[in-house]
Protein backbone atom coordinates (compact mmCIF):
# COMPACT_ATOMS: atom_id res chain seq x y z
CA MET A 1 15.12 -26.50 -5.56
CA ASN A 2 15.14 -30.12 -4.42
CA PRO A 3 13.26 -29.82 -1.11
CA GLN A 4 14.70 -32.90 0.61
CA ASP A 5 16.27 -30.84 3.39
CA LEU A 6 12.99 -29.09 4.03
CA LYS A 7 11.14 -32.40 3.94
CA HIS A 8 13.29 -33.78 6.74
CA GLN A 9 12.49 -30.76 8.92
CA VAL A 10 8.78 -30.61 8.15
CA GLY A 11 8.07 -34.32 8.25
CA LYS A 12 4.98 -35.90 6.74
CA VAL A 13 2.26 -33.33 6.10
CA ASP A 14 -1.44 -34.00 5.81
CA PRO A 15 -2.51 -32.13 2.62
CA THR A 16 -6.11 -31.81 3.81
CA GLU A 17 -4.95 -30.13 6.97
CA GLU A 18 -2.72 -27.81 4.97
CA ALA A 19 -5.62 -26.93 2.72
CA LYS A 20 -7.31 -25.52 5.80
CA ASP A 21 -4.40 -23.08 6.11
CA LYS A 22 -3.06 -24.52 9.34
CA ASP A 23 0.51 -24.24 10.53
CA VAL A 24 3.07 -26.88 9.73
CA ALA A 25 4.61 -26.89 13.18
CA LEU A 26 7.11 -29.73 13.04
CA GLY A 27 10.77 -29.11 13.65
CA GLU A 28 11.99 -25.59 13.01
CA VAL A 29 9.72 -25.00 9.99
CA ARG A 30 6.36 -23.42 10.82
CA ASP A 31 5.47 -21.84 7.48
CA ILE A 32 1.90 -22.54 6.32
CA GLY A 33 3.15 -23.20 2.78
CA ALA A 34 5.97 -25.61 3.68
CA GLY A 35 3.82 -28.73 3.46
CA LEU A 36 2.59 -27.91 -0.03
CA TYR A 37 6.12 -27.05 -1.10
CA VAL A 38 7.37 -30.45 0.04
CA GLU A 39 4.50 -32.14 -1.78
CA ALA A 40 5.40 -30.17 -4.92
CA GLU A 41 8.60 -32.25 -5.09
CA GLN A 42 6.70 -34.49 -7.49
CA LEU A 43 6.55 -31.69 -10.07
CA THR A 44 9.39 -31.22 -12.53
CA ALA A 45 10.79 -27.79 -13.39
CA GLU A 46 9.18 -28.07 -16.83
CA GLU A 47 5.75 -28.78 -15.31
CA VAL A 48 6.06 -25.84 -12.94
CA GLU A 49 7.06 -23.56 -15.80
CA LEU A 50 4.23 -24.77 -18.05
CA GLU A 51 1.47 -24.86 -15.44
CA GLY A 52 2.76 -21.74 -13.68
CA GLY A 53 1.62 -19.58 -16.58
CA LYS A 54 -1.91 -20.93 -16.29
CA VAL A 55 -1.91 -20.44 -12.51
CA LEU A 56 -0.71 -16.85 -12.96
CA ARG A 57 -3.56 -16.12 -15.38
CA ILE A 58 -6.09 -17.60 -12.93
CA LEU A 59 -4.69 -15.48 -10.10
CA ASP A 60 -4.80 -12.34 -12.24
CA TRP A 61 -8.41 -12.88 -13.28
CA ARG A 62 -9.59 -13.91 -9.82
CA LEU A 63 -7.61 -11.65 -7.49
CA MET A 64 -6.73 -8.45 -9.32
CA PRO A 65 -10.31 -7.31 -10.07
CA ILE A 66 -11.24 -7.79 -6.40
CA LEU A 67 -8.16 -5.92 -5.18
CA TYR A 68 -8.66 -3.14 -7.72
CA VAL A 69 -12.35 -2.53 -7.03
CA THR A 70 -11.81 -2.78 -3.27
CA TYR A 71 -9.10 -0.13 -3.43
CA VAL A 72 -11.27 2.15 -5.60
CA ILE A 73 -14.05 2.11 -3.02
CA GLN A 74 -11.65 2.29 -0.10
CA PHE A 75 -9.85 5.34 -1.48
CA LEU A 76 -13.19 7.00 -2.20
CA ASP A 77 -13.72 6.98 1.56
CA LYS A 78 -10.44 8.79 2.13
CA LEU A 79 -11.38 11.42 -0.46
CA SER A 80 -14.89 11.90 0.93
CA LEU A 81 -13.73 14.59 3.37
CA ASN A 82 -12.08 16.52 0.54
CA TYR A 83 -15.24 16.38 -1.59
CA ALA A 84 -17.53 17.25 1.33
CA SER A 85 -15.40 20.32 2.08
CA ALA A 86 -16.38 21.81 -1.29
CA TYR A 87 -19.96 22.22 -0.01
CA THR A 88 -21.46 23.23 3.37
CA PHE A 89 -19.58 20.64 5.45
CA LYS A 90 -17.27 23.18 7.13
CA ALA A 91 -20.04 25.67 7.87
CA ASP A 92 -22.50 23.09 9.18
CA LEU A 93 -20.01 21.65 11.70
CA GLY A 94 -18.27 24.91 12.61
CA LEU A 95 -14.90 23.96 11.09
CA GLU A 96 -13.53 27.45 10.66
CA GLY A 97 -9.80 28.27 10.61
CA GLN A 98 -7.50 25.38 11.54
CA ARG A 99 -10.38 23.20 12.77
CA TYR A 100 -10.79 21.62 9.34
CA SER A 101 -7.04 20.90 9.28
CA TRP A 102 -7.38 19.00 12.55
CA VAL A 103 -10.39 17.07 11.29
CA ALA A 104 -8.24 16.01 8.33
CA ALA A 105 -5.26 15.25 10.57
CA ILE A 106 -6.93 13.23 13.33
CA PHE A 107 -7.69 10.43 10.87
CA ASN A 108 -3.94 9.89 10.77
CA PHE A 109 -3.66 9.86 14.57
CA GLY A 110 -6.03 6.88 14.55
CA TYR A 111 -3.98 5.31 11.76
CA LEU A 112 -0.74 5.97 13.66
CA PHE A 113 -2.17 4.50 16.87
CA TRP A 114 -3.20 1.21 15.23
CA ALA A 115 -0.58 0.72 12.46
CA ILE A 116 1.93 -1.51 14.30
CA PRO A 117 -0.67 -3.53 16.29
CA SER A 118 -2.59 -4.07 13.06
CA ASN A 119 0.46 -5.43 11.23
CA LEU A 120 1.26 -7.81 14.09
CA LEU A 121 -2.36 -9.02 14.15
CA LEU A 122 -2.06 -9.50 10.41
CA GLN A 123 0.73 -12.01 11.02
CA LYS A 124 -1.38 -13.95 13.53
CA LEU A 125 -4.79 -13.85 11.78
CA PRO A 126 -6.03 -14.97 8.33
CA VAL A 127 -5.19 -12.05 6.05
CA ALA A 128 -8.31 -11.80 3.88
CA LYS A 129 -10.74 -12.32 6.77
CA TYR A 130 -9.02 -9.65 8.83
CA MET A 131 -9.10 -7.17 5.95
CA GLY A 132 -12.73 -7.96 5.08
CA CYS A 133 -13.80 -7.27 8.67
CA MET A 134 -11.90 -3.99 8.66
CA LEU A 135 -13.63 -2.95 5.42
CA LEU A 136 -17.07 -3.62 6.92
CA LEU A 137 -16.20 -1.73 10.09
CA TRP A 138 -14.85 1.13 7.97
CA SER A 139 -18.11 1.37 5.98
CA VAL A 140 -20.22 1.62 9.15
CA ILE A 141 -18.05 4.47 10.46
CA VAL A 142 -18.28 6.34 7.15
CA ILE A 143 -22.08 6.11 7.17
CA ALA A 144 -22.05 7.35 10.78
CA HIS A 145 -20.55 10.64 9.51
CA ILE A 146 -24.02 11.79 8.48
CA GLY A 147 -24.98 11.92 12.16
CA ALA A 148 -22.13 14.28 13.10
CA THR A 149 -23.40 17.65 14.34
CA ASN A 150 -20.33 19.34 15.78
CA TYR A 151 -16.53 19.54 15.83
CA ALA A 152 -16.06 16.99 18.65
CA GLY A 153 -18.27 14.38 17.00
CA ILE A 154 -16.51 14.49 13.65
CA LEU A 155 -13.12 14.27 15.40
CA VAL A 156 -14.11 10.99 17.10
CA LEU A 157 -15.42 9.50 13.86
CA ARG A 158 -12.31 10.44 11.89
CA PHE A 159 -10.04 8.91 14.57
CA LEU A 160 -11.95 5.60 14.47
CA LEU A 161 -11.88 5.67 10.67
CA GLY A 162 -8.09 5.99 10.76
CA MET A 163 -7.83 2.92 13.00
CA ALA A 164 -10.01 0.88 10.63
CA GLU A 165 -7.98 1.94 7.60
CA ALA A 166 -4.66 0.94 9.16
CA GLY A 167 -5.19 -2.69 8.19
CA VAL A 168 -6.14 -2.24 4.54
CA SER A 169 -3.00 -1.33 2.57
CA PRO A 170 -0.70 -3.68 4.58
CA CYS A 171 -3.13 -6.54 3.84
CA MET A 172 -3.05 -5.70 0.14
CA MET A 173 0.76 -5.82 0.21
CA VAL A 174 0.83 -9.16 2.03
CA LEU A 175 -1.74 -10.74 -0.28
CA THR A 176 0.24 -9.64 -3.34
CA SER A 177 3.49 -11.07 -1.95
CA MET A 178 1.78 -14.36 -1.01
CA PHE A 179 0.39 -15.01 -4.49
CA TYR A 180 2.95 -13.45 -6.86
CA LYS A 181 6.67 -13.82 -7.53
CA ARG A 182 8.84 -10.83 -6.65
CA SER A 183 9.37 -10.09 -10.37
CA GLU A 184 5.57 -9.93 -10.86
CA GLN A 185 4.75 -7.80 -7.84
CA PRO A 186 5.65 -4.24 -8.99
CA LEU A 187 3.12 -4.28 -11.84
CA ARG A 188 0.35 -5.92 -9.79
CA MET A 189 0.84 -3.56 -6.86
CA ALA A 190 0.92 -0.60 -9.24
CA ILE A 191 -2.33 -1.75 -10.86
CA TRP A 192 -4.31 -1.90 -7.65
CA LEU A 193 -2.78 1.30 -6.29
CA SER A 194 -3.68 3.06 -9.57
CA ALA A 195 -7.24 2.47 -8.38
CA ASN A 196 -6.63 5.64 -6.37
CA GLY A 197 -6.71 7.51 -9.66
CA MET A 198 -9.94 5.83 -10.71
CA ALA A 199 -11.39 6.63 -7.28
CA THR A 200 -10.50 10.28 -7.79
CA ILE A 201 -12.34 10.30 -11.12
CA VAL A 202 -15.39 8.46 -9.77
CA GLY A 203 -15.40 10.56 -6.62
CA ALA A 204 -15.16 13.84 -8.51
CA LEU A 205 -18.12 12.86 -10.69
CA LEU A 206 -20.01 11.61 -7.65
CA GLY A 207 -19.28 14.77 -5.69
CA PHE A 208 -20.25 16.94 -8.65
CA GLY A 209 -23.53 15.08 -9.14
CA LEU A 210 -24.50 15.03 -5.47
CA GLY A 211 -23.60 18.71 -5.28
CA HIS A 212 -26.59 19.47 -7.49
CA THR A 213 -29.09 17.94 -5.04
CA HIS A 214 -30.64 20.83 -3.17
CA ASP A 215 -34.14 19.63 -2.33
CA GLY A 216 -33.39 16.36 -0.53
CA ALA A 217 -33.70 15.61 3.17
CA LEU A 218 -29.89 15.38 3.46
CA GLN A 219 -27.34 18.02 2.57
CA SER A 220 -24.94 17.28 -0.30
CA TRP A 221 -22.02 16.44 2.00
CA LYS A 222 -24.14 13.93 3.95
CA LEU A 223 -25.18 12.24 0.72
CA ILE A 224 -21.50 11.90 -0.20
CA PHE A 225 -20.70 10.05 3.06
CA LEU A 226 -23.84 7.89 2.85
CA THR A 227 -23.29 6.85 -0.77
CA ILE A 228 -19.60 6.06 -0.34
CA GLY A 229 -20.23 4.20 2.92
CA LEU A 230 -22.86 1.95 1.33
CA LEU A 231 -20.58 1.23 -1.63
CA ASN A 232 -17.82 0.23 0.75
CA PHE A 233 -20.12 -2.07 2.73
CA VAL A 234 -20.99 -4.00 -0.43
CA SER A 235 -17.32 -4.08 -1.46
CA GLY A 236 -16.26 -5.38 1.97
CA ALA A 237 -18.86 -8.15 1.93
CA VAL A 238 -17.76 -9.30 -1.54
CA PHE A 239 -14.09 -9.21 -0.48
CA LEU A 240 -14.80 -11.29 2.63
CA TRP A 241 -16.65 -13.87 0.54
CA LEU A 242 -14.26 -14.25 -2.41
CA MET A 243 -10.70 -13.45 -1.29
CA PRO A 244 -8.59 -16.43 -0.07
CA ASP A 245 -6.19 -16.05 2.86
CA SER A 246 -3.28 -17.81 1.11
CA PRO A 247 -2.54 -20.03 -1.92
CA SER A 248 -3.23 -23.11 0.20
CA SER A 249 -6.82 -21.99 0.88
CA ALA A 250 -7.69 -20.69 -2.61
CA ARG A 251 -10.92 -22.53 -3.49
CA PHE A 252 -10.67 -21.57 -7.17
CA LEU A 253 -7.40 -23.54 -7.53
CA THR A 254 -7.17 -27.31 -7.76
CA HIS A 255 -4.84 -29.05 -5.33
CA ARG A 256 -2.19 -29.40 -8.05
CA GLN A 257 -2.51 -25.71 -8.89
CA ARG A 258 -2.00 -24.84 -5.22
CA LEU A 259 1.23 -26.83 -5.31
CA VAL A 260 2.35 -24.85 -8.34
CA ALA A 261 1.31 -21.56 -6.73
CA VAL A 262 3.38 -22.24 -3.60
CA ARG A 263 6.32 -23.51 -5.67
CA ARG A 264 6.26 -20.26 -7.68
CA VAL A 265 6.27 -17.87 -4.70
CA ALA A 266 8.97 -19.92 -2.94
CA GLU A 267 11.36 -18.09 -5.29
CA ASN A 268 10.68 -14.92 -3.27
CA MET A 269 12.94 -16.39 -0.55
CA ILE A 270 10.53 -15.32 2.21
CA GLY A 271 8.30 -18.41 2.55
CA VAL A 272 4.53 -17.91 2.57
CA LYS A 273 3.52 -17.06 6.14
CA THR A 274 4.59 -17.91 9.69
CA ARG A 275 2.36 -16.93 12.61
CA GLU A 276 5.07 -17.01 15.28
CA ILE A 277 6.10 -13.53 16.56
CA LYS A 278 9.89 -13.20 16.97
CA PRO A 279 10.90 -10.00 18.86
CA ARG A 280 14.53 -10.23 17.69
CA GLN A 281 13.35 -9.80 14.10
CA ALA A 282 11.51 -6.63 15.07
CA LEU A 283 14.70 -5.24 16.63
CA GLU A 284 16.57 -5.91 13.40
CA CYS A 285 14.44 -3.26 11.67
CA LEU A 286 15.98 -0.57 13.86
CA TYR A 287 19.46 -0.98 12.36
CA ASP A 288 18.56 -2.05 8.83
CA VAL A 289 19.55 0.80 6.49
CA LYS A 290 17.02 0.01 3.76
CA VAL A 291 14.16 -0.18 6.28
CA LEU A 292 15.20 3.18 7.74
CA CYS A 293 15.48 4.70 4.25
CA CYS A 294 11.99 3.42 3.40
CA ALA A 295 10.71 4.84 6.68
CA GLY A 296 12.14 8.24 5.73
CA ILE A 297 10.45 7.97 2.34
CA GLY A 298 7.23 7.04 4.14
CA ILE A 299 7.35 10.24 6.20
CA ALA A 300 7.89 12.32 3.07
CA CYS A 301 5.10 10.57 1.14
CA GLY A 302 2.80 11.05 4.12
CA VAL A 303 3.43 14.79 4.26
CA ILE A 304 2.76 15.07 0.53
CA ASN A 305 -0.37 12.93 0.64
CA GLY A 306 -1.73 14.66 3.74
CA GLY A 307 -1.49 18.01 2.06
CA VAL A 308 -2.62 17.12 -1.44
CA SER A 309 -5.52 14.77 -0.64
CA ASN A 310 -7.12 17.15 1.86
CA PHE A 311 -6.39 20.50 0.23
CA ALA A 312 -6.74 19.87 -3.50
CA SER A 313 -10.16 21.54 -3.50
CA SER A 314 -8.92 24.53 -1.49
CA LEU A 315 -5.87 24.91 -3.72
CA ILE A 316 -7.90 24.89 -6.93
CA GLU A 317 -10.52 27.22 -5.44
CA GLY A 318 -7.69 29.64 -4.70
CA PHE A 319 -6.86 29.79 -8.41
CA GLY A 320 -10.30 31.30 -9.10
CA PHE A 321 -12.72 28.38 -9.46
CA SER A 322 -16.01 27.92 -7.57
CA GLY A 323 -16.54 25.07 -5.11
CA ILE A 324 -18.43 22.75 -7.43
CA TYR A 325 -15.97 23.29 -10.30
CA ALA A 326 -13.07 22.80 -7.90
CA THR A 327 -14.48 19.29 -7.46
CA ILE A 328 -14.91 18.48 -11.15
CA LEU A 329 -11.43 19.86 -11.94
CA GLN A 330 -9.99 17.03 -9.87
CA LEU A 331 -10.89 14.54 -12.60
CA PRO A 332 -7.49 14.92 -14.33
CA LEU A 333 -5.78 14.25 -10.97
CA GLY A 334 -7.18 10.74 -11.06
CA ALA A 335 -6.41 10.21 -14.75
CA ILE A 336 -2.76 11.19 -14.24
CA GLU A 337 -2.37 8.80 -11.30
CA ALA A 338 -4.21 6.00 -13.11
CA ILE A 339 -1.71 6.29 -15.99
CA ILE A 340 1.61 7.16 -14.32
CA VAL A 341 1.48 4.57 -11.51
CA PRO A 342 1.03 1.51 -13.81
CA ILE A 343 3.77 2.86 -16.10
CA CYS A 344 6.14 2.94 -13.12
CA GLY A 345 5.05 -0.61 -12.27
CA LEU A 346 5.77 -1.74 -15.84
CA VAL A 347 9.24 -0.22 -15.79
CA ALA A 348 10.05 -1.72 -12.37
CA THR A 349 8.80 -5.12 -13.60
CA PHE A 350 10.54 -5.37 -16.95
CA VAL A 351 13.73 -3.34 -16.36
CA PRO A 352 15.97 -5.35 -13.98
CA ASN A 353 17.02 -3.68 -10.73
CA SER A 354 15.16 -0.44 -11.50
CA ARG A 355 12.90 -0.06 -8.45
CA CYS A 356 15.02 2.53 -6.64
CA ILE A 357 15.77 4.37 -9.88
CA VAL A 358 12.06 4.60 -10.73
CA LEU A 359 11.37 5.82 -7.20
CA ALA A 360 13.89 8.64 -7.55
CA VAL A 361 13.08 9.73 -11.10
CA VAL A 362 9.29 9.83 -10.76
CA CYS A 363 9.64 12.43 -7.98
CA LEU A 364 10.95 14.95 -10.51
CA ILE A 365 7.47 15.26 -12.10
CA PRO A 366 5.57 16.63 -9.06
CA PHE A 367 8.72 18.53 -7.99
CA GLY A 368 8.48 20.51 -11.23
CA GLY A 369 4.74 21.03 -10.68
CA LEU A 370 5.38 22.51 -7.23
CA LEU A 371 7.92 24.95 -8.67
CA GLY A 372 5.26 25.96 -11.21
CA ILE A 373 2.70 26.67 -8.47
CA ARG A 374 5.28 28.62 -6.48
CA PHE A 375 6.47 30.93 -9.26
CA THR A 376 3.61 31.16 -11.82
CA SER A 377 1.48 34.32 -11.70
CA LEU A 378 -2.07 33.89 -10.40
CA ASP A 379 -3.26 35.38 -13.71
CA HIS A 380 -2.38 32.05 -15.38
CA ARG A 381 -4.90 29.98 -13.46
CA TRP A 382 -5.03 27.08 -15.93
CA THR A 383 -1.26 26.70 -15.76
CA LEU A 384 -1.55 26.59 -11.97
CA VAL A 385 -4.30 23.98 -12.14
CA GLY A 386 -2.12 21.88 -14.47
CA CYS A 387 0.75 22.06 -11.97
CA ALA A 388 -1.64 21.02 -9.19
CA TRP A 389 -2.72 17.99 -11.22
CA LEU A 390 0.89 16.71 -11.24
CA GLN A 391 0.83 16.34 -7.44
CA TYR A 392 -1.21 13.15 -7.60
CA VAL A 393 1.84 11.33 -8.96
CA VAL A 394 2.62 10.74 -5.25
CA GLY A 395 1.02 7.30 -5.64
CA ALA A 396 3.99 6.16 -7.75
CA PRO A 397 6.72 6.64 -5.10
CA VAL A 398 4.39 5.15 -2.49
CA ILE A 399 3.82 1.92 -4.39
CA VAL A 400 7.45 1.50 -5.45
CA CYS A 401 8.56 1.99 -1.84
CA TRP A 402 6.02 -0.61 -0.69
CA ASN A 403 7.40 -3.03 -3.25
CA ILE A 404 10.97 -2.44 -2.10
CA LEU A 405 9.87 -3.40 1.42
CA SER A 406 7.74 -6.39 0.41
CA THR A 407 10.46 -7.95 -1.79
CA ASN A 408 13.57 -7.12 0.23
CA VAL A 409 12.58 -7.76 3.84
CA ALA A 410 12.60 -11.45 4.86
CA GLY A 411 11.49 -12.83 8.20
CA HIS A 412 7.74 -12.56 8.81
CA THR A 413 7.91 -10.65 12.11
CA LYS A 414 10.49 -8.33 10.61
CA ARG A 415 8.30 -7.71 7.56
CA ALA A 416 5.26 -7.05 9.75
CA PHE A 417 7.19 -4.68 11.98
CA ALA A 418 8.89 -2.91 9.04
CA SER A 419 5.49 -2.45 7.40
CA GLY A 420 4.07 -1.19 10.70
CA ILE A 421 6.89 1.33 11.03
CA TRP A 422 6.32 2.54 7.47
CA PHE A 423 2.60 3.07 7.93
CA THR A 424 3.11 4.67 11.35
CA VAL A 425 5.53 7.29 10.06
CA TYR A 426 3.37 7.69 6.94
CA ALA A 427 0.42 8.53 9.19
CA GLY A 428 2.61 10.98 11.11
CA GLY A 429 3.61 12.59 7.83
CA ASN A 430 -0.05 12.93 6.89
CA VAL A 431 -0.69 14.77 10.15
CA ALA A 432 2.09 17.21 9.35
CA GLY A 433 1.00 17.56 5.72
CA ALA A 434 -2.57 18.44 6.69
CA ASN A 435 -1.28 21.20 8.98
CA ILE A 436 1.28 22.99 6.81
CA PHE A 437 -1.44 24.54 4.65
CA PHE A 438 -2.15 27.70 6.61
CA ALA A 439 -5.40 29.50 5.77
CA ARG A 440 -3.65 32.88 5.99
CA GLU A 441 -1.31 31.89 3.12
CA ALA A 442 -4.08 31.06 0.63
CA PRO A 443 -4.04 30.73 -2.33
CA ARG A 444 -0.27 30.23 -2.73
CA TYR A 445 0.41 28.35 0.53
CA LYS A 446 4.14 29.13 0.43
CA SER A 447 5.02 27.22 3.62
CA ALA A 448 3.28 24.10 2.34
CA LEU A 449 4.96 24.28 -1.07
CA THR A 450 8.38 24.61 0.55
CA GLY A 451 7.70 21.60 2.75
CA LEU A 452 6.55 19.47 -0.18
CA LEU A 453 9.64 20.42 -2.22
CA VAL A 454 11.88 19.32 0.65
CA CYS A 455 9.98 16.03 0.89
CA TYR A 456 10.47 15.18 -2.79
CA ALA A 457 14.17 16.04 -2.56
CA GLY A 458 14.42 13.76 0.48
CA ILE A 459 12.78 10.86 -1.38
CA PHE A 460 15.31 11.26 -4.20
CA VAL A 461 18.28 11.11 -1.80
CA LEU A 462 16.95 8.23 0.33
CA SER A 463 16.09 6.06 -2.68
CA ALA A 464 19.65 6.54 -3.94
CA LEU A 465 21.03 5.59 -0.51
CA ALA A 466 18.86 2.44 -0.35
CA TYR A 467 20.02 1.44 -3.84
CA VAL A 468 23.71 1.83 -2.96
CA GLY A 469 23.29 -0.05 0.34
CA MET A 470 21.49 -3.06 -1.14
CA ARG A 471 23.78 -3.22 -4.16
CA TRP A 472 26.83 -3.25 -1.87
CA VAL A 473 25.42 -6.13 0.23
CA ASN A 474 24.63 -8.13 -2.92
CA SER A 475 28.18 -7.65 -4.21
CA GLN A 476 29.66 -8.66 -0.84
CA ARG A 477 27.60 -11.84 -0.71
CA ASN A 478 28.41 -12.71 -4.31
CA ALA A 479 32.11 -12.23 -3.61
CA ALA A 480 31.90 -14.45 -0.52
CA LEU A 481 30.10 -17.12 -2.53
CA ALA A 482 32.76 -17.01 -5.26
CA THR A 483 35.52 -17.78 -2.74
CA SER A 484 33.50 -20.42 -0.89
CA GLU A 485 34.16 -24.13 -1.39
CA GLU A 486 30.43 -24.85 -1.15
CA PRO A 487 28.49 -25.45 -4.39
CA ASP A 488 26.99 -22.39 -6.07
CA ASP A 489 23.40 -23.08 -5.07
CA HIS A 490 22.50 -20.01 -3.03
CA ASN A 491 19.05 -19.68 -4.64
CA SER A 492 18.01 -23.13 -3.38
CA GLN A 493 19.41 -22.44 0.05
CA ALA A 494 17.70 -19.02 0.11
CA ILE A 495 14.34 -20.70 -0.52
CA LEU A 496 14.97 -23.07 2.39
CA ASP A 497 16.02 -20.11 4.57
CA GLY A 498 12.75 -18.40 3.67
CA PHE A 499 10.65 -21.35 4.83
CA LYS A 500 12.73 -21.41 8.02
CA ASP A 501 11.69 -17.77 8.60
CA MET A 502 15.21 -16.36 8.48
CA THR A 503 15.56 -12.62 7.92
CA ASP A 504 17.30 -11.13 4.90
CA MET A 505 20.23 -10.13 7.14
CA GLU A 506 20.50 -13.63 8.67
CA SER A 507 20.34 -15.47 5.34
CA LYS A 508 23.59 -14.83 3.46
CA ASN A 509 21.95 -16.50 0.45
CA PHE A 510 19.31 -13.77 0.14
CA ARG A 511 19.76 -11.28 -2.71
CA TYR A 512 18.07 -7.89 -2.82
CA ALA A 513 15.92 -6.73 -5.74
CA LEU A 514 17.10 -3.22 -6.52
């Protein structure tokens, strides 16, 4: 795009000021990347194409390892309750009956309480600094678990932990969308979310090893919380030190490379970041079909995750395995997720307009596993364990749904609010999922299995509806463009609309990635 129109609205920009990640607040353009984009006018398309490949490699080597390791440690924290439950955690804190279910669920009440405020703060504050502070706070709360002595104390800690976690995944999504083109995002998001699988493997080994410590001053479950909390503190400190808030503040890029980085992501048609909160954009989420479909998928994914992540040990124990082996048998859960999620990201990246299709099809795998658990005789315990392993594919629909939101919602307040809605309903789904596993129905948990089957069927239907809706809008806009007397330059105009913080519904030049 020739950014002359944008240049007139932004005016003359001081590059040194922009490098400090400050708003360009002249005219109607307030995007923090607008100044660099105007300055990038000096670069030809050939230079951007040639140097863009080098910039992409730098971003991959600098950012992806940090995001991946951070998510491994962060997801370990979420699994810590599941691993602790395999030992004397329940007995020591008096978590008999449904009490453990509520300990698992209240984390999500904290998450639900803070999800929308956290996403709005994310728009106002530097992204990486906000996330780094949340990671450090999270680690302190995890370590504090070792001081819990009763039901009330652990409830308070889990609620606070949920609040701290509410800022992590949205920050990861925003950082990915700020540094990568929309065509590059599915694979990168799938890579760092597949860290959940690695966390499951590391956590299972960690839980198994710490489960053999019987002579220490701390019980096994306290050692699990202490070890994981300390790991997360180190991870949070490293993240806060190394992760940039935006392309314009990336110290590992030269000024010219920052220009190229901003020029590349301008193709996403959503700008880089605007700190102004616009309530009308938030209202637009309430009648946007794709946002509502994604919210429905978020509820379903939350129910599935809430059940599986907190009751995997109990489920496997019910098939005839002891507590410590129920922990080690969760190793394949992580391996399956670590493989399947990146494969889905690869397909969504290299097969055009396949995001919604991947989202629908991948649900058939765990759906089949649930049917196996429901109808296979308890005498075939290894078959049942294999079906349970398939349930950790839930990471694939989660990450594809996140990518649909991050690439197809324009307008920064709208994106923040849509993300907040998704994580709020996801947290609500986790609450429900943690409470549909009734102790009296062990080991088959028929009510829970029925609920999970309904959730996967719902994801299939909603992903199809989102696909049809976005495809129809694209065709309508293409038809209008074909009959228009204006030149066929909607991509250039869409980029300008993105820097002007227009929503995807306001900008008729925006095209959805299916």
